Amino acid sequence: MKDRYNVLFVCTRNSARSLMAETLANRLGGERIRAFSAGNHPDGRVHPGAVRALTAAGLATSELRGKSWDEFTVSDAPVMDLIITVCDRAAGETCPNWPGHPVTAHWSIPDPAAVEGTPEQSQKAFSMALQMLQHRIALLLSLRPEAWDRLSIESHPGKEVSP
């Protein structure tokens, strides 16, 4: 059984949802997971609404940056155990061949940056996305470590899974 699992959250621009998920997972996961985020078309910035939502939740944002998923396909990149797309557009894209053949999942989180309206309505959308991510990450972390190992083994063809 592994001590720590690598999780990559993917969203198209890597400016809001995936970065919020990375931050939350690193905070909530403690020593159990190490989270990263990336996008297939990153715009290189962190959305101000995401920064405000994370800051309001007491989470640090100074180290966040938009990243391309290409950073996680090179030979010296951390090998991921789990890849989670958090936007429908990224889920529909053809993903790279991730080193290690990680388990993949999709969480459909509405895009808070797409909300039109007052600044208050926009910020509420970011807060709601953060709450949805927190709930799903908490559920993921509630899995026993054996379940994580079983998922990992089942995602690698040719490995035996014991009953």
Protein backbone atom coordinates (compact mmCIF):
# COMPACT_ATOMS: atom_id res chain seq x y z
CA MET A 1 0.00 0.00 0.00
CA LYS A 2 1.33 3.44 -0.90
CA ASP A 3 1.76 6.14 1.70
CA ARG A 4 0.84 8.98 -0.63
CA TYR A 5 -1.11 9.17 -3.88
CA ASN A 6 -0.64 11.74 -6.64
CA VAL A 7 -3.83 13.30 -8.00
CA LEU A 8 -4.05 15.60 -11.03
CA PHE A 9 -7.12 17.82 -11.46
CA VAL A 10 -7.65 18.86 -15.08
CA CYS A 11 -9.70 21.71 -16.52
CA THR A 12 -9.40 23.42 -19.89
CA ARG A 13 -7.83 26.73 -18.81
CA ASN A 14 -6.48 25.68 -15.38
CA SER A 15 -7.49 29.06 -13.98
CA ALA A 16 -10.25 28.26 -11.46
CA ARG A 17 -11.86 24.86 -10.77
CA SER A 18 -8.78 22.67 -11.14
CA LEU A 19 -6.67 25.12 -9.13
CA MET A 20 -9.31 25.25 -6.38
CA ALA A 21 -9.39 21.43 -6.34
CA GLU A 22 -5.59 21.26 -6.13
CA THR A 23 -5.55 23.67 -3.20
CA LEU A 24 -8.38 21.94 -1.34
CA ALA A 25 -7.00 18.44 -1.90
CA ASN A 26 -3.57 19.43 -0.65
CA ARG A 27 -5.12 20.94 2.47
CA LEU A 28 -7.64 18.19 3.17
CA GLY A 29 -5.48 15.28 2.04
CA GLY A 30 -2.71 15.86 4.53
CA GLU A 31 -0.05 13.23 4.06
CA ARG A 32 -2.37 10.95 2.10
CA ILE A 33 -2.40 12.76 -1.25
CA ARG A 34 -0.35 15.25 -3.19
CA ALA A 35 -2.50 17.21 -5.61
CA PHE A 36 -1.62 19.02 -8.81
CA SER A 37 -3.64 20.78 -11.49
CA ALA A 38 -3.27 21.45 -15.18
CA GLY A 39 -5.15 22.43 -18.31
CA ASN A 40 -5.05 21.47 -21.95
CA HIS A 41 -5.29 25.15 -22.96
CA PRO A 42 -4.12 27.07 -19.87
CA ASP A 43 -4.34 30.82 -20.01
CA GLY A 44 -1.49 31.23 -17.54
CA ARG A 45 -3.42 33.09 -14.88
CA VAL A 46 -5.39 32.35 -11.76
CA HIS A 47 -8.92 33.71 -12.00
CA PRO A 48 -9.47 36.49 -9.41
CA GLY A 49 -12.79 34.90 -8.39
CA ALA A 50 -10.97 31.68 -7.52
CA VAL A 51 -8.42 33.62 -5.49
CA ARG A 52 -11.21 35.39 -3.57
CA ALA A 53 -13.08 32.13 -2.88
CA LEU A 54 -9.94 30.33 -1.70
CA THR A 55 -8.83 33.28 0.43
CA ALA A 56 -12.29 33.51 2.02
CA ALA A 57 -11.96 29.81 2.91
CA GLY A 58 -8.60 30.48 4.57
CA LEU A 59 -6.55 28.77 1.85
CA ALA A 60 -3.26 30.09 0.51
CA THR A 61 -3.08 31.12 -3.14
CA SER A 62 0.40 32.60 -3.54
CA GLU A 63 1.89 29.42 -5.06
CA LEU A 64 -0.89 28.85 -7.61
CA ARG A 65 -0.22 29.16 -11.32
CA GLY A 66 -1.87 27.99 -14.50
CA LYS A 67 -0.05 24.97 -15.97
CA SER A 68 -0.24 22.90 -19.12
CA TRP A 69 -0.94 19.22 -18.80
CA ASP A 70 2.20 18.73 -20.88
CA GLU A 71 4.18 19.32 -17.66
CA PHE A 72 2.82 16.03 -16.36
CA THR A 73 3.61 13.89 -19.41
CA VAL A 74 7.40 14.23 -19.37
CA SER A 75 9.68 11.55 -17.98
CA ASP A 76 10.65 13.41 -14.80
CA ALA A 77 7.06 14.43 -13.89
CA PRO A 78 5.41 12.91 -10.83
CA VAL A 79 3.54 9.74 -11.78
CA MET A 80 -0.17 10.23 -11.19
CA ASP A 81 -2.38 7.67 -9.50
CA LEU A 82 -5.61 9.47 -10.30
CA ILE A 83 -6.59 12.04 -12.94
CA ILE A 84 -9.86 13.90 -12.36
CA THR A 85 -11.34 16.21 -14.97
CA VAL A 86 -13.49 18.89 -13.37
CA CYS A 87 -14.98 20.45 -16.47
CA ASP A 88 -17.04 18.86 -19.20
CA ARG A 89 -14.97 20.39 -21.99
CA ALA A 90 -11.70 18.87 -20.70
CA ALA A 91 -13.45 15.53 -20.16
CA GLY A 92 -14.31 15.45 -23.86
CA GLU A 93 -10.75 16.16 -25.00
CA THR A 94 -8.32 13.47 -26.06
CA CYS A 95 -5.99 13.23 -23.09
CA PRO A 96 -2.29 12.45 -23.27
CA ASN A 97 -0.94 9.02 -22.46
CA TRP A 98 -0.23 9.65 -18.82
CA PRO A 99 2.86 7.91 -17.42
CA GLY A 100 1.85 5.05 -15.15
CA HIS A 101 -1.66 4.69 -16.65
CA PRO A 102 -3.56 6.31 -13.76
CA VAL A 103 -7.19 5.82 -12.86
CA THR A 104 -9.36 8.53 -14.43
CA ALA A 105 -12.60 10.09 -13.24
CA HIS A 106 -14.82 13.02 -14.18
CA TRP A 107 -16.52 15.47 -11.83
CA SER A 108 -18.81 17.87 -13.69
CA ILE A 109 -18.37 21.16 -11.81
CA PRO A 110 -20.17 24.15 -13.40
CA ASP A 111 -17.80 26.87 -14.63
CA PRO A 112 -18.06 29.79 -12.20
CA ALA A 113 -16.19 32.05 -14.63
CA ALA A 114 -19.05 31.64 -17.11
CA VAL A 115 -21.63 33.13 -14.73
CA GLU A 116 -22.87 36.50 -15.90
CA GLY A 117 -24.43 38.93 -13.51
CA THR A 118 -23.46 41.10 -10.58
CA PRO A 119 -20.09 40.74 -8.89
CA GLU A 120 -21.94 39.13 -5.97
CA GLN A 121 -23.55 36.54 -8.26
CA SER A 122 -20.20 35.79 -9.84
CA GLN A 123 -18.50 35.34 -6.47
CA LYS A 124 -21.34 33.13 -5.26
CA ALA A 125 -20.69 30.86 -8.27
CA PHE A 126 -17.02 30.53 -7.26
CA SER A 127 -18.00 29.80 -3.67
CA MET A 128 -20.48 27.15 -4.82
CA ALA A 129 -17.85 25.50 -7.05
CA LEU A 130 -15.45 25.44 -4.11
CA GLN A 131 -18.11 23.83 -1.90
CA MET A 132 -18.85 21.18 -4.54
CA LEU A 133 -15.16 20.38 -4.86
CA GLN A 134 -14.73 20.23 -1.10
CA HIS A 135 -17.60 17.76 -0.81
CA ARG A 136 -16.26 15.49 -3.56
CA ILE A 137 -12.70 15.60 -2.25
CA ALA A 138 -13.97 14.72 1.23
CA LEU A 139 -15.83 11.73 -0.25
CA LEU A 140 -12.70 10.66 -2.12
CA LEU A 141 -10.65 10.90 1.06
CA SER A 142 -13.23 8.86 2.95
CA LEU A 143 -12.23 5.80 0.90
CA ARG A 144 -10.06 3.36 2.82
CA PRO A 145 -6.46 3.19 1.58
CA GLU A 146 -7.14 -0.37 0.37
CA ALA A 147 -9.77 1.01 -2.02
CA TRP A 148 -7.22 3.41 -3.50
CA ASP A 149 -4.79 0.54 -4.04
CA ARG A 150 -7.50 -1.59 -5.62
CA LEU A 151 -8.38 1.25 -8.02
CA SER A 152 -4.73 1.66 -8.90
CA ILE A 153 -4.22 -2.06 -9.52
CA GLU A 154 -7.40 -2.35 -11.61
CA SER A 155 -6.28 0.51 -13.84
CA HIS A 156 -3.03 -1.25 -14.75
CA PRO A 157 -3.64 -4.07 -17.24
CA GLY A 158 -1.88 -7.29 -16.43
CA LYS A 159 -1.78 -6.82 -12.67
CA GLU A 160 -3.61 -9.28 -10.47
CA VAL A 161 -6.26 -8.12 -8.05
CA SER A 162 -6.65 -10.31 -5.00
CA PRO A 163 -10.17 -10.86 -3.64
